[in-house]
Amino acid sequence: MTITKSKNGSALTLALQGRLDTTTAPELEKELKGSLDGVDTLTMDFEQLDYISSAGLRVLLSAQKTMSKLGGMKVIHVSDLVMEVFEVTGFSDILDIE
């Protein structure tokens, strides 16, 4: 998985490419922990995310909880496959998906 980070003031965007699974979830978790200082808006761009596993969902849930205290988080450009996972797991009700 590749993570592309762009920051504009207090807004951070992380674009993910590849697979967010057991192997790559710790990488995203580490990136989030090191990047959220001074951030009040987190955007996760999933345009090039091919797959998400339960480990990836756990990292997303943790980020959502953190960002609900700091400002907000949204997920954009979600593929049909990833959206199906969100719907089956109930994450479509938890996350702000655009």
C-alpha atoms as a PDB file:
ATOM      1  CA  MET A   1       0.000   0.000   0.000  1.00  0.00           C
ATOM      2  CA  THR A   2       1.139   3.518  -0.770  1.00  0.00           C
ATOM      3  CA  ILE A   3       0.088   6.505   1.357  1.00  0.00           C
ATOM      4  CA  THR A   4       0.240   9.959  -0.175  1.00  0.00           C
ATOM      5  CA  LYS A   5      -0.081  12.755   2.357  1.00  0.00           C
ATOM      6  CA  SER A   6      -0.997  16.368   1.662  1.00  0.00           C
ATOM      7  CA  LYS A   7      -1.623  19.037   4.266  1.00  0.00           C
ATOM      8  CA  ASN A   8      -3.304  22.396   3.773  1.00  0.00           C
ATOM      9  CA  GLY A   9      -3.343  24.372   7.013  1.00  0.00           C
ATOM     10  CA  SER A  10      -5.224  22.246   9.532  1.00  0.00           C
ATOM     11  CA  ALA A  11      -6.658  19.926   6.849  1.00  0.00           C
ATOM     12  CA  LEU A  12      -4.895  16.647   6.115  1.00  0.00           C
ATOM     13  CA  THR A  13      -5.619  14.340   3.185  1.00  0.00           C
ATOM     14  CA  LEU A  14      -4.311  10.796   3.023  1.00  0.00           C
ATOM     15  CA  ALA A  15      -4.691   9.060  -0.344  1.00  0.00           C
ATOM     16  CA  LEU A  16      -4.344   5.288  -0.131  1.00  0.00           C
ATOM     17  CA  GLN A  17      -3.341   3.084  -3.023  1.00  0.00           C
ATOM     18  CA  GLY A  18      -3.400  -0.712  -3.012  1.00  0.00           C
ATOM     19  CA  ARG A  19      -4.657  -2.947  -0.199  1.00  0.00           C
ATOM     20  CA  LEU A  20      -5.445  -1.969   3.388  1.00  0.00           C
ATOM     21  CA  ASP A  21      -5.134  -5.280   5.207  1.00  0.00           C
ATOM     22  CA  THR A  22      -3.409  -7.003   8.121  1.00  0.00           C
ATOM     23  CA  THR A  23       0.006  -6.343   6.609  1.00  0.00           C
ATOM     24  CA  THR A  24      -0.488  -2.649   5.764  1.00  0.00           C
ATOM     25  CA  ALA A  25      -2.890  -1.482   8.510  1.00  0.00           C
ATOM     26  CA  PRO A  26      -0.042  -0.877  11.029  1.00  0.00           C
ATOM     27  CA  GLU A  27       1.622   1.399   8.461  1.00  0.00           C
ATOM     28  CA  LEU A  28      -1.535   3.540   8.186  1.00  0.00           C
ATOM     29  CA  GLU A  29      -1.959   3.546  11.965  1.00  0.00           C
ATOM     30  CA  LYS A  30       1.623   4.778  12.408  1.00  0.00           C
ATOM     31  CA  GLU A  31       1.135   7.450   9.726  1.00  0.00           C
ATOM     32  CA  LEU A  32      -2.046   8.693  11.404  1.00  0.00           C
ATOM     33  CA  LYS A  33      -0.499   8.850  14.872  1.00  0.00           C
ATOM     34  CA  GLY A  34       2.392  10.902  13.560  1.00  0.00           C
ATOM     35  CA  SER A  35       0.321  13.235  11.392  1.00  0.00           C
ATOM     36  CA  LEU A  36      -2.694  14.419  13.389  1.00  0.00           C
ATOM     37  CA  ASP A  37      -1.030  17.176  15.461  1.00  0.00           C
ATOM     38  CA  GLY A  38      -2.850  20.410  14.663  1.00  0.00           C
ATOM     39  CA  VAL A  39      -5.254  18.702  12.252  1.00  0.00           C
ATOM     40  CA  ASP A  40      -8.994  19.376  12.555  1.00  0.00           C
ATOM     41  CA  THR A  41     -10.125  17.880   9.231  1.00  0.00           C
ATOM     42  CA  LEU A  42      -8.972  14.489   7.980  1.00  0.00           C
ATOM     43  CA  THR A  43      -9.886  13.315   4.485  1.00  0.00           C
ATOM     44  CA  MET A  44      -9.198   9.730   3.486  1.00  0.00           C
ATOM     45  CA  ASP A  45      -9.090   9.404  -0.309  1.00  0.00           C
ATOM     46  CA  PHE A  46      -9.838   5.808  -1.325  1.00  0.00           C
ATOM     47  CA  GLU A  47      -9.900   6.357  -5.107  1.00  0.00           C
ATOM     48  CA  GLN A  48      -7.038   3.895  -5.620  1.00  0.00           C
ATOM     49  CA  LEU A  49      -7.776   1.584  -2.669  1.00  0.00           C
ATOM     50  CA  ASP A  50      -8.481  -1.901  -4.025  1.00  0.00           C
ATOM     51  CA  TYR A  51      -9.315  -3.780  -0.827  1.00  0.00           C
ATOM     52  CA  ILE A  52      -9.958  -3.262   2.878  1.00  0.00           C
ATOM     53  CA  SER A  53      -9.892  -5.968   5.562  1.00  0.00           C
ATOM     54  CA  SER A  54     -11.093  -6.003   9.159  1.00  0.00           C
ATOM     55  CA  ALA A  55      -7.649  -4.766  10.232  1.00  0.00           C
ATOM     56  CA  GLY A  56      -8.106  -1.750   7.958  1.00  0.00           C
ATOM     57  CA  LEU A  57     -11.600  -1.170   9.330  1.00  0.00           C
ATOM     58  CA  ARG A  58     -10.178  -1.145  12.863  1.00  0.00           C
ATOM     59  CA  VAL A  59      -7.683   1.592  11.933  1.00  0.00           C
ATOM     60  CA  LEU A  60     -10.476   3.605  10.282  1.00  0.00           C
ATOM     61  CA  LEU A  61     -12.678   3.289  13.361  1.00  0.00           C
ATOM     62  CA  SER A  62      -9.830   4.441  15.598  1.00  0.00           C
ATOM     63  CA  ALA A  63      -9.159   7.426  13.301  1.00  0.00           C
ATOM     64  CA  GLN A  64     -12.867   8.286  13.281  1.00  0.00           C
ATOM     65  CA  LYS A  65     -12.988   8.273  17.093  1.00  0.00           C
ATOM     66  CA  THR A  66      -9.870  10.452  17.321  1.00  0.00           C
ATOM     67  CA  MET A  67     -11.066  12.915  14.689  1.00  0.00           C
ATOM     68  CA  SER A  68     -14.543  13.248  16.227  1.00  0.00           C
ATOM     69  CA  LYS A  69     -12.765  14.927  19.168  1.00  0.00           C
ATOM     70  CA  LEU A  70     -10.485  17.076  16.987  1.00  0.00           C
ATOM     71  CA  GLY A  71     -12.894  18.126  14.241  1.00  0.00           C
ATOM     72  CA  GLY A  72     -14.034  15.684  11.607  1.00  0.00           C
ATOM     73  CA  MET A  73     -13.133  12.951   9.162  1.00  0.00           C
ATOM     74  CA  LYS A  74     -14.536  12.043   5.774  1.00  0.00           C
ATOM     75  CA  VAL A  75     -13.853   9.292   3.280  1.00  0.00           C
ATOM     76  CA  ILE A  76     -13.999  10.156  -0.414  1.00  0.00           C
ATOM     77  CA  HIS A  77     -13.841   8.321  -3.765  1.00  0.00           C
ATOM     78  CA  VAL A  78     -14.860   4.934  -2.358  1.00  0.00           C
ATOM     79  CA  SER A  79     -14.948   2.077  -4.893  1.00  0.00           C
ATOM     80  CA  ASP A  80     -17.974  -0.207  -5.152  1.00  0.00           C
ATOM     81  CA  LEU A  81     -16.023  -3.095  -3.623  1.00  0.00           C
ATOM     82  CA  VAL A  82     -14.897  -1.099  -0.565  1.00  0.00           C
ATOM     83  CA  MET A  83     -18.371   0.467  -0.246  1.00  0.00           C
ATOM     84  CA  GLU A  84     -19.868  -3.018  -0.132  1.00  0.00           C
ATOM     85  CA  VAL A  85     -17.571  -3.863   2.809  1.00  0.00           C
ATOM     86  CA  PHE A  86     -18.648  -0.619   4.539  1.00  0.00           C
ATOM     87  CA  GLU A  87     -22.331  -1.471   4.032  1.00  0.00           C
ATOM     88  CA  VAL A  88     -22.044  -5.091   5.215  1.00  0.00           C
ATOM     89  CA  THR A  89     -20.117  -4.083   8.352  1.00  0.00           C
ATOM     90  CA  GLY A  90     -22.251  -1.028   9.180  1.00  0.00           C
ATOM     91  CA  PHE A  91     -19.350   1.376   8.611  1.00  0.00           C
ATOM     92  CA  SER A  92     -21.459   3.211   6.033  1.00  0.00           C
ATOM     93  CA  ASP A  93     -23.571   4.400   8.984  1.00  0.00           C
ATOM     94  CA  ILE A  94     -20.546   5.435  11.069  1.00  0.00           C
ATOM     95  CA  LEU A  95     -18.335   7.143   8.492  1.00  0.00           C
ATOM     96  CA  ASP A  96     -18.942  10.364   6.571  1.00  0.00           C
ATOM     97  CA  ILE A  97     -18.614   9.030   3.021  1.00  0.00           C
ATOM     98  CA  GLU A  98     -18.716  11.352   0.008  1.00  0.00           C
END
